[in-house]
Amino acid sequence: MRLVLIGLWTAALWAQAEISGARIREHVKFLASDLLEGRGVGTRGGDLATAYLASQLALAGVEPAGDNGTFFQRVDLVGVEPQSSAKLTLGSAELTWAVDFVGNTMQQKSMAEFGAEAVFVGHGITAPEFGWDDYAGVDVKGKVVVLFTNEPPSDDPQFFGGKALTYYGRWTYKYEEAARRGAVGCLILHTSPTAGYGWEVVRSSWGKEDPQVKLEAGAQALAFAGWVTRGAAEKALGKNLDELLAQANTKGFRAMPLGMAVKGAIPTKLRAIRAANVAGIVRGSDPELRKQAVVFSAHWDHLGMGAEKGSDAIYNGAVDNATGCGILIEAARAWAALQQRPKRSAIFLAVTAEESGLRGAEFYAAKPIIAAGKTMLNVNFDSFYPFGAVKDVVVIGAERTSVYPTVAATAKRFNLKIKADPHPEQGHYYRSDHFAFARAGVPAFSVNMGTEYWGKDETFGDNIIYEYNAKHYHQPSDEYKESWDFAGMEQMGRFGWTIGLTIANSSGVTTWRAGDEFLPARQKSLSGPAQ
């Protein structure tokens, strides 16, 4: 009976809400405009974006939840921008910046210089729970490790997640593990299949300023973390990358010296960045339960301005992620407009520096407005395709939490089929801001559109995703168009909003939690204990 009453109450409140695709459109149009210059972190355009988000939350009637009574949670970062005069030599081969290699120093120095023996360590993974250790029998302290991103292929869900990528396959893990091992540098051998995207995506992401969390005194950091193209690597190493990858994929692989030195001189421009998460809160109506919260999030940043000449140099980030921010603002407006407030509080959070590795979300997870143990749910909005209403929805990570029954019931109510992640091999679970919440023990997932569109043939969705990833992802061409159809974003906004509302109105003591399986045992220990 209690669940029925909760459902009726949620339905009554939902009926008051009016999440509008037309309003989402106007937010996306502004946030993706050239005026904001790609919403780079620590730039004029980024400051305009956060000011706009704060003003819209204020207009919606949302209370500020940031520092000192403002909407801004300050996130201090160090801007680390590699210069085009950067040099890298593999053996006798001199590589050309942006053409053959890109990367950055993690030491936050104006000049990072190194020269060390190169060691091929396969995928660079140590995973005892899977009986796999690419670093077995080799000491890489003071050396440069050379490796592939991704992980050994598998159809067995009990071995590296089967076809789904685990955190071991992400480039973030590769660099983290190399640093833990004392390596001075880490070079990823790029191939489109192992990375999940082409060289242009790597070049645009790694060829510009990287906002990094300031290093603590004495912290171990890589002098260089970078990527090398297939062509440059094969020429320098004298080896076929397909053959090297086959070795790396073989159980029992052992690391091997490459018989050459890697030398680098990476001049870097450094600057202090005062970035900010934008945070607002709508207080709950229950005197006790209002101390708990659901969090809706989206990242506001993109890649800023590029160095392209004679063409568009603004990385507008319309799909990624002006769309998610538009939904977030509209969700906040609808929540604040409710005549009868839900029992729990709702936090609306636009985070910074997602494109640099979830920096803003990780900062918030470490310093939350309401403690992780009292945060019942995080619903994250990240990148939506503007081609109309869909028949299905992807909820990346929801199945790992105890909130999933609510998610499934809400999908049924909205006549949406829940579609499995169409590309689990790309590791989307680890690539969006909900992951920072999950690492803190909060039930967290991202809402994404499916691939079955109303009024379109069955190949339409897969084709547009392929085209976006191939031509527009992290490119200047990710721009707003007047022809866009926002019906699907309206759908996704209502869907995610209703899930949050249901949890916010659930009665009594709750046991919502992130699943214990969200990271394998060793990855939990590497991440630290859940908060």
Protein backbone atom coordinates (compact mmCIF):
# COMPACT_ATOMS: atom_id res chain seq x y z
CA MET A 1 0.00 0.00 0.00
CA ARG A 2 2.82 2.42 0.88
CA LEU A 3 4.43 1.98 -2.56
CA VAL A 4 1.05 2.59 -4.23
CA LEU A 5 0.57 5.81 -2.24
CA ILE A 6 4.09 6.97 -3.10
CA GLY A 7 3.38 6.28 -6.77
CA LEU A 8 0.12 8.23 -6.67
CA TRP A 9 1.80 11.15 -4.90
CA THR A 10 4.63 11.17 -7.41
CA ALA A 11 2.11 11.06 -10.26
CA ALA A 12 0.21 13.99 -8.79
CA LEU A 13 3.37 16.05 -8.42
CA TRP A 14 4.60 15.07 -11.88
CA ALA A 15 1.34 16.35 -13.34
CA GLN A 16 2.30 19.82 -12.06
CA ALA A 17 5.60 19.74 -13.93
CA GLU A 18 6.03 21.06 -17.41
CA ILE A 19 9.46 20.24 -18.78
CA SER A 20 9.59 21.99 -22.13
CA GLY A 21 11.71 21.09 -25.13
CA ALA A 22 11.29 24.66 -26.37
CA ARG A 23 12.91 26.05 -23.22
CA ILE A 24 15.68 23.45 -23.37
CA ARG A 25 16.34 24.62 -26.93
CA GLU A 26 16.93 28.21 -25.87
CA HIS A 27 19.42 27.18 -23.20
CA VAL A 28 21.33 24.96 -25.63
CA LYS A 29 21.32 27.69 -28.27
CA PHE A 30 22.99 30.14 -25.89
CA LEU A 31 25.42 27.75 -24.20
CA ALA A 32 26.64 26.43 -27.57
CA SER A 33 26.91 29.86 -29.19
CA ASP A 34 30.20 31.27 -30.45
CA LEU A 35 29.92 33.96 -27.77
CA LEU A 36 30.92 31.35 -25.16
CA GLU A 37 33.98 30.28 -27.16
CA GLY A 38 33.64 26.58 -26.42
CA ARG A 39 33.14 26.95 -22.63
CA GLY A 40 36.78 26.24 -21.80
CA VAL A 41 37.62 25.92 -18.11
CA GLY A 42 39.25 29.08 -16.77
CA THR A 43 38.33 31.14 -19.85
CA ARG A 44 36.03 34.06 -20.52
CA GLY A 45 33.59 31.69 -22.22
CA GLY A 46 33.61 29.35 -19.26
CA ASP A 47 32.93 32.24 -16.89
CA LEU A 48 30.01 33.33 -19.06
CA ALA A 49 28.63 29.79 -18.99
CA THR A 50 28.73 29.52 -15.20
CA ALA A 51 27.24 33.01 -14.80
CA TYR A 52 24.40 32.04 -17.13
CA LEU A 53 23.74 28.77 -15.29
CA ALA A 54 23.68 30.54 -11.92
CA SER A 55 21.33 33.23 -13.19
CA GLN A 56 18.94 30.66 -14.63
CA LEU A 57 18.85 28.73 -11.35
CA ALA A 58 18.16 31.96 -9.50
CA LEU A 59 15.35 32.88 -11.91
CA ALA A 60 13.87 29.43 -11.39
CA GLY A 61 13.61 30.02 -7.65
CA VAL A 62 16.43 27.65 -6.68
CA GLU A 63 18.48 28.61 -3.62
CA PRO A 64 22.25 29.02 -3.96
CA ALA A 65 24.19 26.07 -2.51
CA GLY A 66 27.77 27.04 -3.24
CA ASP A 67 30.40 28.86 -1.22
CA ASN A 68 29.47 31.84 0.97
CA GLY A 69 25.85 32.01 -0.10
CA THR A 70 26.60 31.94 -3.84
CA PHE A 71 25.82 29.43 -6.57
CA PHE A 72 29.55 28.73 -7.07
CA GLN A 73 31.59 25.96 -5.49
CA ARG A 74 35.17 26.99 -6.09
CA VAL A 75 37.43 24.35 -7.65
CA ASP A 76 41.10 25.37 -7.74
CA LEU A 77 42.96 23.84 -10.66
CA VAL A 78 46.26 24.26 -12.45
CA GLY A 79 46.06 24.90 -16.18
CA VAL A 80 48.80 22.86 -17.86
CA GLU A 81 49.14 23.74 -21.54
CA PRO A 82 51.72 21.90 -23.67
CA GLN A 83 53.45 24.07 -26.25
CA SER A 84 53.76 23.18 -29.93
CA SER A 85 57.56 23.15 -29.61
CA ALA A 86 57.30 19.95 -27.53
CA LYS A 87 59.79 17.30 -28.63
CA LEU A 88 59.62 13.52 -28.34
CA THR A 89 62.13 11.00 -29.66
CA LEU A 90 61.63 7.23 -29.81
CA GLY A 91 64.99 5.67 -30.44
CA SER A 92 66.30 7.52 -33.48
CA ALA A 93 62.87 8.73 -34.65
CA GLU A 94 61.95 12.33 -33.95
CA LEU A 95 58.20 12.74 -33.67
CA THR A 96 56.22 15.83 -34.69
CA TRP A 97 53.84 17.45 -32.22
CA ALA A 98 50.12 17.00 -33.03
CA VAL A 99 50.95 14.99 -36.14
CA ASP A 100 52.70 12.02 -34.48
CA PHE A 101 52.10 12.58 -30.78
CA VAL A 102 50.25 14.64 -28.18
CA GLY A 103 50.17 14.61 -24.41
CA ASN A 104 50.97 16.55 -21.31
CA THR A 105 53.11 16.57 -18.22
CA MET A 106 51.45 15.66 -14.93
CA GLN A 107 54.29 17.21 -12.92
CA GLN A 108 52.97 20.74 -13.41
CA LYS A 109 56.38 22.10 -14.41
CA SER A 110 57.13 24.74 -17.02
CA MET A 111 59.60 22.32 -18.63
CA ALA A 112 59.39 18.56 -18.24
CA GLU A 113 62.49 16.80 -19.55
CA PHE A 114 63.18 13.09 -19.42
CA GLY A 115 65.16 10.35 -21.05
CA ALA A 116 64.68 6.71 -20.12
CA GLU A 117 64.50 3.13 -21.32
CA ALA A 118 61.25 2.12 -23.03
CA VAL A 119 59.42 -0.97 -21.80
CA PHE A 120 56.38 -2.48 -23.55
CA VAL A 121 53.86 -3.53 -20.87
CA GLY A 122 50.97 -4.70 -23.03
CA HIS A 123 47.80 -3.14 -21.64
CA GLY A 124 49.54 -1.96 -18.46
CA ILE A 125 47.07 -3.80 -16.20
CA THR A 126 47.51 -5.42 -12.82
CA ALA A 127 44.26 -7.23 -11.98
CA PRO A 128 44.82 -10.12 -9.54
CA GLU A 129 41.10 -10.95 -9.46
CA PHE A 130 41.40 -11.87 -13.15
CA GLY A 131 44.81 -13.53 -12.83
CA TRP A 132 46.41 -10.82 -14.97
CA ASP A 133 49.57 -8.80 -14.34
CA ASP A 134 51.31 -6.98 -17.19
CA TYR A 135 53.90 -5.64 -14.76
CA ALA A 136 54.92 -9.06 -13.41
CA GLY A 137 58.67 -9.51 -13.15
CA VAL A 138 59.59 -6.03 -14.36
CA ASP A 139 60.65 -2.88 -12.53
CA VAL A 140 59.63 0.20 -14.48
CA LYS A 141 60.72 2.78 -11.94
CA GLY A 142 62.35 5.67 -13.80
CA LYS A 143 61.42 4.18 -17.19
CA VAL A 144 58.88 4.97 -19.90
CA VAL A 145 56.10 2.41 -20.27
CA VAL A 146 54.59 1.88 -23.70
CA LEU A 147 51.16 0.27 -23.88
CA PHE A 148 47.75 -0.04 -25.47
CA THR A 149 44.59 1.35 -23.94
CA ASN A 150 41.62 -1.02 -23.54
CA GLU A 151 42.03 -4.54 -22.11
CA PRO A 152 42.30 -8.22 -23.12
CA PRO A 153 39.27 -9.18 -25.26
CA SER A 154 36.73 -11.47 -23.65
CA ASP A 155 33.26 -12.94 -24.11
CA ASP A 156 33.19 -14.10 -20.48
CA PRO A 157 31.46 -11.62 -18.13
CA GLN A 158 33.64 -12.99 -15.32
CA PHE A 159 36.83 -12.05 -17.15
CA PHE A 160 37.32 -8.29 -17.59
CA GLY A 161 33.57 -7.86 -17.85
CA GLY A 162 33.26 -9.74 -21.13
CA LYS A 163 32.56 -7.31 -23.96
CA ALA A 164 31.97 -4.46 -21.50
CA LEU A 165 35.01 -2.36 -20.73
CA THR A 166 36.10 -2.23 -17.08
CA TYR A 167 38.01 0.62 -15.49
CA TYR A 168 41.23 -1.26 -16.22
CA GLY A 169 40.73 -0.44 -19.89
CA ARG A 170 40.47 3.32 -19.47
CA TRP A 171 43.40 5.60 -20.24
CA THR A 172 42.96 7.17 -16.81
CA TYR A 173 43.81 3.86 -15.16
CA LYS A 174 46.84 3.37 -17.44
CA TYR A 175 48.38 6.64 -16.33
CA GLU A 176 47.45 6.09 -12.68
CA GLU A 177 49.05 2.64 -12.59
CA ALA A 178 52.18 3.80 -14.43
CA ALA A 179 52.62 6.57 -11.86
CA ARG A 180 52.08 4.15 -8.99
CA ARG A 181 54.83 1.97 -10.46
CA GLY A 182 57.24 4.90 -10.50
CA ALA A 183 57.45 5.25 -14.28
CA VAL A 184 58.68 8.59 -15.57
CA GLY A 185 56.42 8.50 -18.62
CA CYS A 186 53.59 6.57 -20.24
CA LEU A 187 52.94 6.39 -24.00
CA ILE A 188 49.69 4.96 -25.34
CA LEU A 189 49.92 3.42 -28.80
CA HIS A 190 46.83 4.73 -30.55
CA THR A 191 44.59 2.62 -32.72
CA SER A 192 40.96 3.51 -33.33
CA PRO A 193 39.67 0.06 -32.25
CA THR A 194 41.52 0.04 -28.93
CA ALA A 195 40.81 3.68 -28.10
CA GLY A 196 37.22 3.68 -29.36
CA TYR A 197 37.80 6.88 -31.36
CA GLY A 198 40.09 8.26 -34.03
CA TRP A 199 43.27 10.29 -33.79
CA GLU A 200 41.46 13.60 -34.32
CA VAL A 201 39.60 13.09 -31.04
CA VAL A 202 42.88 12.38 -29.23
CA ARG A 203 44.59 15.35 -30.84
CA SER A 204 41.80 17.79 -30.00
CA SER A 205 41.53 16.54 -26.42
CA TRP A 206 45.23 16.27 -25.59
CA GLY A 207 46.69 19.05 -27.68
CA LYS A 208 45.51 21.87 -25.44
CA GLU A 209 45.40 23.03 -21.85
CA ASP A 210 44.60 20.37 -19.28
CA PRO A 211 43.01 21.64 -16.05
CA GLN A 212 44.59 19.48 -13.34
CA VAL A 213 44.04 19.22 -9.61
CA LYS A 214 47.03 20.81 -7.89
CA LEU A 215 49.66 18.27 -6.91
CA GLU A 216 50.33 17.71 -3.27
CA ALA A 217 53.93 18.14 -2.13
CA GLY A 218 55.97 15.03 -2.89
CA ALA A 219 53.26 13.38 -4.97
CA GLN A 220 54.41 10.96 -7.69
CA ALA A 221 53.50 12.20 -11.16
CA LEU A 222 54.40 11.35 -14.74
CA ALA A 223 56.77 13.66 -16.56
CA PHE A 224 54.80 12.84 -19.68
CA ALA A 225 51.48 11.12 -20.34
CA GLY A 226 50.87 10.94 -24.05
CA TRP A 227 49.61 9.22 -27.18
CA VAL A 228 51.48 8.19 -30.33
CA THR A 229 49.89 7.49 -33.72
CA ARG A 230 50.00 4.04 -35.26
CA GLY A 231 52.14 5.20 -38.16
CA ALA A 232 54.72 6.97 -36.02
CA ALA A 233 54.89 4.09 -33.56
CA GLU A 234 55.37 1.41 -36.20
CA LYS A 235 58.09 3.42 -37.90
CA ALA A 236 59.94 4.16 -34.65
CA LEU A 237 59.58 0.72 -33.08
CA GLY A 238 60.03 -1.27 -36.27
CA LYS A 239 57.10 -3.43 -35.20
CA ASN A 240 53.59 -4.07 -36.47
CA LEU A 241 51.07 -2.83 -33.90
CA ASP A 242 48.59 -5.59 -34.70
CA GLU A 243 51.26 -8.15 -33.79
CA LEU A 244 52.13 -6.25 -30.60
CA LEU A 245 48.45 -6.08 -29.67
CA ALA A 246 48.07 -9.82 -30.23
CA GLN A 247 50.92 -10.38 -27.77
CA ALA A 248 49.36 -8.00 -25.26
CA ASN A 249 46.05 -9.88 -25.50
CA THR A 250 47.64 -13.26 -24.77
CA LYS A 251 47.34 -14.69 -21.27
CA GLY A 252 50.79 -15.05 -19.78
CA PHE A 253 52.12 -11.97 -21.58
CA ARG A 254 55.33 -10.64 -20.08
CA ALA A 255 56.63 -7.10 -20.35
CA MET A 256 59.67 -6.61 -22.56
CA PRO A 257 62.28 -3.88 -23.10
CA LEU A 258 62.00 -2.27 -26.52
CA GLY A 259 65.75 -1.75 -26.84
CA MET A 260 65.53 2.00 -27.18
CA ALA A 261 65.34 5.17 -25.14
CA VAL A 262 62.52 7.67 -25.11
CA LYS A 263 63.53 11.30 -24.73
CA GLY A 264 61.27 14.26 -24.29
CA ALA A 265 61.29 17.98 -23.66
CA ILE A 266 57.79 19.29 -22.98
CA PRO A 267 57.62 23.06 -22.51
CA THR A 268 54.44 23.96 -20.70
CA LYS A 269 52.49 27.10 -19.93
CA LEU A 270 51.14 27.04 -16.38
CA ARG A 271 48.42 29.16 -14.79
CA ALA A 272 46.24 29.05 -11.72
CA ILE A 273 42.58 28.44 -12.58
CA ARG A 274 39.71 29.41 -10.33
CA ALA A 275 37.06 27.15 -11.80
CA ALA A 276 33.66 26.50 -10.33
CA ASN A 277 30.87 24.00 -10.04
CA VAL A 278 27.46 25.67 -10.14
CA ALA A 279 25.16 24.37 -7.41
CA GLY A 280 21.61 25.15 -6.31
CA ILE A 281 19.23 23.47 -3.90
CA VAL A 282 15.48 23.17 -3.40
CA ARG A 283 14.86 22.22 0.22
CA GLY A 284 12.63 19.27 1.00
CA SER A 285 9.40 19.59 2.97
CA ASP A 286 10.02 16.91 5.62
CA PRO A 287 11.90 18.25 8.68
CA GLU A 288 14.14 15.17 8.84
CA LEU A 289 14.22 13.83 5.28
CA ARG A 290 15.16 17.24 3.90
CA LYS A 291 18.63 16.52 5.31
CA GLN A 292 18.89 13.94 2.52
CA ALA A 293 19.01 14.75 -1.18
CA VAL A 294 18.84 13.63 -4.75
CA VAL A 295 21.37 15.24 -7.07
CA PHE A 296 20.81 16.07 -10.73
CA SER A 297 24.03 16.83 -12.60
CA ALA A 298 25.49 17.79 -15.96
CA HIS A 299 28.91 19.09 -16.97
CA TRP A 300 29.07 22.61 -18.36
CA ASP A 301 32.60 22.61 -19.81
CA HIS A 302 33.87 21.76 -23.26
CA LEU A 303 37.18 22.14 -25.11
CA GLY A 304 37.25 25.90 -25.66
CA MET A 305 39.17 27.36 -28.59
CA GLY A 306 41.43 25.35 -30.86
CA ALA A 307 44.48 26.36 -32.82
CA GLU A 308 42.91 25.78 -36.25
CA LYS A 309 43.62 28.45 -38.84
CA GLY A 310 41.42 29.30 -41.77
CA SER A 311 38.48 27.42 -40.29
CA ASP A 312 36.17 27.38 -37.30
CA ALA A 313 38.34 27.15 -34.19
CA ILE A 314 35.51 27.09 -31.62
CA TYR A 315 34.64 23.76 -30.04
CA ASN A 316 31.02 24.72 -29.30
CA GLY A 317 30.08 21.45 -27.56
CA ALA A 318 26.40 21.63 -28.46
CA VAL A 319 25.55 17.96 -28.01
CA ASP A 320 28.42 17.54 -25.53
CA ASN A 321 27.13 18.97 -23.24
CA ALA A 322 25.01 22.07 -23.77
CA THR A 323 22.12 19.62 -24.16
CA GLY A 324 22.59 18.13 -20.69
CA CYS A 325 22.86 21.60 -19.16
CA GLY A 326 19.65 22.67 -20.89
CA ILE A 327 17.85 19.68 -19.41
CA LEU A 328 19.35 20.38 -15.96
CA ILE A 329 18.13 23.99 -15.93
CA GLU A 330 14.66 22.99 -17.06
CA ALA A 331 14.52 20.18 -14.46
CA ALA A 332 15.45 22.69 -11.75
CA ARG A 333 12.76 25.12 -12.90
CA ALA A 334 10.10 22.41 -12.88
CA TRP A 335 11.15 21.18 -9.43
CA ALA A 336 11.18 24.64 -7.87
CA ALA A 337 7.74 25.33 -9.38
CA LEU A 338 6.08 22.43 -7.54
CA GLN A 339 3.34 23.68 -5.22
CA GLN A 340 3.92 20.75 -2.90
CA ARG A 341 7.62 20.23 -2.25
CA PRO A 342 8.99 16.66 -2.17
CA LYS A 343 10.13 15.29 1.20
CA ARG A 344 13.85 15.31 0.37
CA SER A 345 15.95 18.11 -0.99
CA ALA A 346 17.11 18.30 -4.59
CA ILE A 347 20.50 19.61 -5.66
CA PHE A 348 21.07 20.84 -9.21
CA LEU A 349 24.76 20.67 -10.03
CA ALA A 350 26.62 21.80 -13.16
CA VAL A 351 30.19 20.56 -12.81
CA THR A 352 33.44 21.80 -14.29
CA ALA A 353 36.34 20.03 -16.01
CA GLU A 354 34.56 16.83 -17.00
CA GLU A 355 36.50 16.78 -20.25
CA SER A 356 39.75 16.71 -18.24
CA GLY A 357 38.81 13.58 -16.32
CA LEU A 358 35.72 14.30 -14.17
CA ARG A 359 37.64 16.85 -12.07
CA GLY A 360 34.64 18.90 -10.96
CA ALA A 361 32.50 15.90 -10.10
CA GLU A 362 35.34 14.34 -8.12
CA PHE A 363 35.79 17.60 -6.23
CA TYR A 364 32.09 17.71 -5.38
CA ALA A 365 32.07 14.04 -4.33
CA ALA A 366 34.92 14.82 -1.91
CA LYS A 367 33.23 18.00 -0.61
CA PRO A 368 29.49 17.47 -1.07
CA ILE A 369 26.78 19.89 -0.03
CA ILE A 370 24.92 16.98 1.57
CA ALA A 371 27.10 14.04 2.62
CA ALA A 372 27.42 11.04 0.32
CA GLY A 373 25.79 8.84 2.95
CA LYS A 374 22.70 11.06 2.82
CA THR A 375 22.69 11.44 -0.97
CA MET A 376 20.07 9.00 -2.17
CA LEU A 377 20.68 9.28 -5.89
CA ASN A 378 22.60 11.02 -8.65
CA VAL A 379 20.93 11.34 -12.05
CA ASN A 380 23.41 12.64 -14.62
CA PHE A 381 22.58 14.19 -18.01
CA ASP A 382 25.33 14.03 -20.63
CA SER A 383 25.00 14.43 -24.41
CA PHE A 384 21.68 14.07 -26.21
CA TYR A 385 20.98 13.75 -29.91
CA PRO A 386 18.52 16.32 -31.32
CA PHE A 387 16.55 14.17 -33.72
CA GLY A 388 13.21 13.66 -32.03
CA ALA A 389 11.43 11.33 -29.65
CA VAL A 390 12.69 7.83 -28.95
CA LYS A 391 11.15 4.51 -27.98
CA ASP A 392 14.00 3.42 -25.74
CA VAL A 393 16.39 4.74 -23.11
CA VAL A 394 19.90 3.82 -21.94
CA VAL A 395 20.57 4.13 -18.20
CA ILE A 396 24.29 3.58 -17.87
CA GLY A 397 25.10 2.26 -14.41
CA ALA A 398 21.53 2.04 -13.06
CA GLU A 399 21.62 -1.75 -13.08
CA ARG A 400 24.52 -1.58 -10.59
CA THR A 401 22.39 0.10 -7.93
CA SER A 402 19.42 -0.73 -5.71
CA VAL A 403 17.53 2.11 -7.41
CA TYR A 404 17.08 0.05 -10.56
CA PRO A 405 13.52 -1.16 -9.77
CA THR A 406 12.43 2.48 -9.63
CA VAL A 407 14.20 3.16 -12.91
CA ALA A 408 12.52 0.17 -14.58
CA ALA A 409 9.08 1.12 -13.26
CA THR A 410 9.51 4.70 -14.48
CA ALA A 411 10.59 3.53 -17.94
CA LYS A 412 7.47 1.37 -18.15
CA ARG A 413 5.32 4.30 -17.14
CA PHE A 414 6.86 6.42 -19.91
CA ASN A 415 6.45 3.60 -22.43
CA LEU A 416 10.22 3.40 -22.86
CA LYS A 417 12.15 0.21 -23.35
CA ILE A 418 15.40 0.05 -21.40
CA LYS A 419 18.15 -0.65 -23.89
CA ALA A 420 21.50 -2.07 -22.84
CA ASP A 421 24.53 0.11 -23.50
CA PRO A 422 24.94 -0.32 -27.28
CA HIS A 423 28.72 0.05 -27.01
CA PRO A 424 29.82 -1.45 -23.67
CA GLU A 425 33.31 -1.89 -25.06
CA GLN A 426 33.77 1.91 -24.96
CA GLY A 427 33.43 2.07 -21.17
CA HIS A 428 30.84 4.84 -20.99
CA TYR A 429 30.19 4.03 -17.33
CA TYR A 430 33.64 5.38 -16.45
CA ARG A 431 33.53 8.39 -18.75
CA SER A 432 30.80 10.57 -17.27
CA ASP A 433 30.31 12.41 -14.00
CA HIS A 434 28.04 9.86 -12.34
CA PHE A 435 31.16 7.69 -11.92
CA ALA A 436 32.62 10.13 -9.37
CA PHE A 437 29.45 9.74 -7.30
CA ALA A 438 29.51 5.96 -7.64
CA ARG A 439 33.08 5.86 -6.34
CA ALA A 440 31.81 7.68 -3.24
CA GLY A 441 29.12 5.03 -2.71
CA VAL A 442 26.16 7.00 -4.11
CA PRO A 443 23.66 5.25 -6.41
CA ALA A 444 24.45 7.03 -9.66
CA PHE A 445 23.81 6.66 -13.37
CA SER A 446 23.51 8.64 -16.59
CA VAL A 447 20.37 8.98 -18.65
CA ASN A 448 20.93 8.63 -22.39
CA MET A 449 18.66 8.33 -25.38
CA GLY A 450 18.25 4.97 -27.06
CA THR A 451 18.52 4.28 -30.77
CA GLU A 452 14.91 3.62 -31.81
CA TYR A 453 13.31 6.86 -33.01
CA TRP A 454 9.61 7.35 -33.60
CA GLY A 455 8.90 7.74 -37.29
CA LYS A 456 12.41 6.65 -38.34
CA ASP A 457 13.66 3.32 -39.69
CA GLU A 458 15.50 0.94 -37.38
CA THR A 459 18.95 1.91 -38.66
CA PHE A 460 18.52 5.65 -38.05
CA GLY A 461 19.69 5.75 -34.44
CA ASP A 462 22.80 3.66 -34.96
CA ASN A 463 23.70 5.69 -38.02
CA ILE A 464 23.50 9.08 -36.32
CA ILE A 465 25.54 7.87 -33.36
CA TYR A 466 28.18 6.55 -35.73
CA GLU A 467 28.20 9.79 -37.72
CA TYR A 468 28.43 11.95 -34.60
CA ASN A 469 31.31 9.94 -33.14
CA ALA A 470 33.14 9.84 -36.47
CA LYS A 471 32.66 13.47 -37.54
CA HIS A 472 31.54 15.69 -34.68
CA TYR A 473 32.56 14.32 -31.26
CA HIS A 474 35.13 16.73 -29.77
CA GLN A 475 35.25 18.64 -33.04
CA PRO A 476 34.30 22.26 -33.92
CA SER A 477 31.39 20.86 -35.95
CA ASP A 478 29.47 19.95 -32.76
CA GLU A 479 27.30 23.04 -33.25
CA TYR A 480 23.67 23.99 -32.62
CA LYS A 481 21.27 23.99 -35.58
CA GLU A 482 17.83 25.55 -35.80
CA SER A 483 16.54 22.38 -37.45
CA TRP A 484 17.13 20.32 -34.31
CA ASP A 485 14.19 18.48 -32.75
CA PHE A 486 14.14 18.66 -28.94
CA ALA A 487 11.29 16.20 -28.31
CA GLY A 488 13.73 13.48 -27.21
CA MET A 489 15.44 15.80 -24.73
CA GLU A 490 12.06 16.71 -23.29
CA GLN A 491 11.40 12.97 -22.88
CA MET A 492 14.71 12.33 -21.17
CA GLY A 493 14.30 15.33 -18.89
CA ARG A 494 10.88 14.15 -17.70
CA PHE A 495 12.11 10.57 -17.31
CA GLY A 496 15.15 11.45 -15.17
CA TRP A 497 13.21 14.10 -13.24
CA THR A 498 10.49 11.59 -12.34
CA ILE A 499 12.99 9.03 -11.08
CA GLY A 500 14.51 11.66 -8.83
CA LEU A 501 11.08 12.76 -7.64
CA THR A 502 10.10 9.18 -6.75
CA ILE A 503 13.23 8.69 -4.65
CA ALA A 504 12.83 12.14 -3.07
CA ASN A 505 9.33 11.18 -1.92
CA SER A 506 10.03 7.64 -0.74
CA SER A 507 9.07 7.27 2.92
CA GLY A 508 10.95 6.10 5.99
CA VAL A 509 14.51 4.79 6.19
CA THR A 510 15.96 4.00 2.80
CA THR A 511 18.73 1.61 1.82
CA TRP A 512 19.50 3.01 -1.60
CA ARG A 513 23.16 2.29 -2.36
CA ALA A 514 25.64 1.85 -5.13
CA GLY A 515 26.20 -1.79 -5.98
CA ASP A 516 29.23 -3.43 -4.44
CA GLU A 517 30.22 -4.51 -7.93
CA PHE A 518 30.68 -0.98 -9.31
CA LEU A 519 34.43 -1.56 -9.20
CA PRO A 520 36.39 -4.80 -8.85
CA ALA A 521 38.07 -5.31 -5.48
CA ARG A 522 41.48 -3.97 -6.52
CA GLN A 523 39.94 -0.94 -8.20
CA LYS A 524 38.10 -0.16 -4.95
CA SER A 525 41.36 -0.23 -3.06
CA LEU A 526 42.95 2.03 -5.65
CA SER A 527 40.06 4.46 -5.41
CA GLY A 528 39.98 4.58 -1.62
CA PRO A 529 37.04 3.63 0.60
CA ALA A 530 33.52 4.74 -0.20
CA GLN A 531 32.48 7.80 1.76
